[in-house]
Amino acid sequence: MNKIFETYRPKGFGTMNGYLFVENPKELIDFLKNAFYAEELNRSTNPKNGDIANVILKIGSSCFMISQARGQFLNMRTAFYLYVENVDEIHKRAVEYGAKVEFEPADMDYQDRQSGIIDPSGNYWWISKRLVEKGYNE
């Protein structure tokens, strides 16, 4: 690893972390807490209007941030690859809490059991379990 990346990172943060600007952060945060057991670690709000300036969430061992879309920080959509023990259970939870189904759980040719959902902010989530204990290129 390049030495430039050998620096302090708060617990739960990797070298690269997601940061979303969304139109309705409260809705997305509630969805993530309910569907994926997200833990809210920190929240700061704009004292003038109460908008979410920054929320740090942790899902499993990974942290990422969410803010209210505003000004030059436009609403954005992205995709996440989420590793879980039980794809079917988490897929069902996500749908119960408002996700749209992109595809139902299935065993894939690349040896993952996987489903696809779209969260209330329009982000894609590939909910996956590796069916073998080896990497994708092994």
Protein backbone atom coordinates (compact mmCIF):
# COMPACT_ATOMS: atom_id res chain seq x y z
CA MET A 1 0.00 0.00 0.00
CA ASN A 2 1.23 3.49 -0.82
CA LYS A 3 2.42 5.29 2.33
CA ILE A 4 0.19 8.26 1.52
CA PHE A 5 -2.75 6.16 2.74
CA GLU A 6 -1.09 5.27 6.06
CA THR A 7 -2.89 7.83 8.19
CA TYR A 8 -5.29 7.87 11.11
CA ARG A 9 -8.88 7.00 10.24
CA PRO A 10 -11.70 6.95 12.78
CA LYS A 11 -12.99 3.50 13.71
CA GLY A 12 -15.28 2.14 10.99
CA PHE A 13 -13.83 4.30 8.24
CA GLY A 14 -11.75 2.88 5.41
CA THR A 15 -9.42 4.69 3.06
CA MET A 16 -12.41 5.60 0.90
CA ASN A 17 -15.92 6.23 2.24
CA GLY A 18 -19.27 7.16 0.76
CA TYR A 19 -20.86 10.59 1.21
CA LEU A 20 -24.38 11.18 -0.11
CA PHE A 21 -26.26 14.42 -0.67
CA VAL A 22 -29.99 13.64 -0.78
CA GLU A 23 -33.25 15.57 -1.04
CA ASN A 24 -34.79 13.91 2.02
CA PRO A 25 -31.99 12.73 4.33
CA LYS A 26 -34.33 12.02 7.26
CA GLU A 27 -36.31 9.55 5.13
CA LEU A 28 -33.16 7.80 3.93
CA ILE A 29 -31.66 7.66 7.41
CA ASP A 30 -34.85 6.12 8.83
CA PHE A 31 -34.92 3.58 5.99
CA LEU A 32 -31.29 2.59 6.55
CA LYS A 33 -31.80 2.21 10.30
CA ASN A 34 -34.87 0.03 9.81
CA ALA A 35 -33.86 -2.02 6.76
CA PHE A 36 -30.12 -2.46 7.32
CA TYR A 37 -29.74 -1.91 11.08
CA ALA A 38 -27.71 1.26 10.46
CA GLU A 39 -26.34 2.88 13.59
CA GLU A 40 -26.26 6.68 13.76
CA LEU A 41 -22.91 7.76 15.20
CA ASN A 42 -23.15 11.52 14.87
CA ARG A 43 -25.55 14.20 13.61
CA SER A 44 -25.03 17.90 13.04
CA THR A 45 -27.74 20.26 11.85
CA ASN A 46 -27.81 23.73 10.37
CA PRO A 47 -28.79 26.03 13.27
CA LYS A 48 -30.59 28.41 10.88
CA ASN A 49 -33.05 25.97 9.31
CA GLY A 50 -32.57 22.60 11.04
CA ASP A 51 -31.42 20.86 7.84
CA ILE A 52 -29.09 17.92 8.27
CA ALA A 53 -25.57 19.20 7.70
CA ASN A 54 -23.99 15.80 8.28
CA VAL A 55 -24.94 12.40 9.66
CA ILE A 56 -22.46 9.59 10.10
CA LEU A 57 -24.01 6.15 9.81
CA LYS A 58 -22.47 2.74 10.31
CA ILE A 59 -23.77 -0.41 8.62
CA GLY A 60 -21.92 -3.51 9.76
CA SER A 61 -18.27 -2.47 9.83
CA SER A 62 -18.53 0.44 7.36
CA CYS A 63 -19.20 4.12 7.97
CA PHE A 64 -20.48 6.70 5.51
CA MET A 65 -22.07 10.14 5.59
CA ILE A 66 -25.31 11.77 4.46
CA SER A 67 -26.20 15.45 4.07
CA GLN A 68 -29.09 17.54 2.84
CA ALA A 69 -28.73 18.33 -0.87
CA ARG A 70 -28.31 22.09 -1.30
CA GLY A 71 -26.67 24.64 -3.57
CA GLN A 72 -23.85 23.12 -5.56
CA PHE A 73 -24.20 19.85 -3.63
CA LEU A 74 -26.92 18.34 -5.78
CA ASN A 75 -29.06 15.33 -5.00
CA MET A 76 -27.12 12.28 -6.10
CA ARG A 77 -27.72 8.60 -6.55
CA THR A 78 -25.23 5.78 -6.31
CA ALA A 79 -24.95 2.04 -5.81
CA PHE A 80 -23.76 0.02 -2.83
CA TYR A 81 -22.65 -3.59 -2.49
CA LEU A 82 -23.75 -4.83 0.94
CA TYR A 83 -22.45 -8.15 2.31
CA VAL A 84 -24.82 -9.88 4.72
CA GLU A 85 -25.29 -13.35 6.19
CA ASN A 86 -28.90 -13.76 5.02
CA VAL A 87 -29.75 -12.07 1.71
CA ASP A 88 -33.40 -13.14 1.73
CA GLU A 89 -34.04 -11.76 5.22
CA ILE A 90 -32.42 -8.37 4.56
CA HIS A 91 -34.07 -8.11 1.14
CA LYS A 92 -37.47 -8.72 2.77
CA ARG A 93 -36.75 -6.09 5.49
CA ALA A 94 -35.72 -3.53 2.88
CA VAL A 95 -38.94 -4.06 0.92
CA GLU A 96 -41.02 -3.91 4.12
CA TYR A 97 -39.48 -0.50 4.88
CA GLY A 98 -40.11 0.96 1.45
CA ALA A 99 -37.50 -0.29 -0.99
CA LYS A 100 -38.45 -1.09 -4.56
CA VAL A 101 -37.35 -4.47 -5.88
CA GLU A 102 -34.81 -4.38 -8.69
CA PHE A 103 -34.42 -8.17 -8.64
CA GLU A 104 -35.36 -10.94 -6.22
CA PRO A 105 -32.73 -12.98 -4.33
CA ALA A 106 -30.99 -15.52 -6.55
CA ASP A 107 -27.73 -17.48 -6.73
CA MET A 108 -25.46 -15.80 -9.28
CA ASP A 109 -22.91 -17.33 -11.66
CA TYR A 110 -20.11 -15.48 -9.80
CA GLN A 111 -20.94 -17.41 -6.61
CA ASP A 112 -22.86 -14.77 -4.68
CA ARG A 113 -26.44 -15.02 -3.51
CA GLN A 114 -27.73 -11.59 -4.33
CA SER A 115 -30.77 -9.35 -4.61
CA GLY A 116 -31.18 -5.80 -5.79
CA ILE A 117 -33.30 -3.04 -4.26
CA ILE A 118 -33.72 0.69 -4.71
CA ASP A 119 -33.95 2.76 -1.53
CA PRO A 120 -36.33 5.75 -1.07
CA SER A 121 -33.63 8.14 -2.37
CA GLY A 122 -33.10 6.14 -5.56
CA ASN A 123 -29.84 4.40 -4.59
CA TYR A 124 -29.23 0.85 -5.74
CA TRP A 125 -28.22 -1.77 -3.18
CA TRP A 126 -26.86 -5.15 -4.21
CA ILE A 127 -27.48 -7.27 -1.12
CA SER A 128 -25.00 -10.14 -1.29
CA LYS A 129 -23.57 -13.17 0.45
CA ARG A 130 -20.47 -14.83 -0.91
CA LEU A 131 -21.30 -18.53 -1.34
CA VAL A 132 -17.64 -19.57 -1.34
CA GLU A 133 -14.77 -18.40 0.82
CA LYS A 134 -12.57 -17.05 -1.95
CA GLY A 135 -12.24 -13.85 -3.93
CA TYR A 136 -13.88 -13.14 -7.25
CA ASN A 137 -10.68 -13.59 -9.25
CA GLU A 138 -9.49 -16.81 -7.60
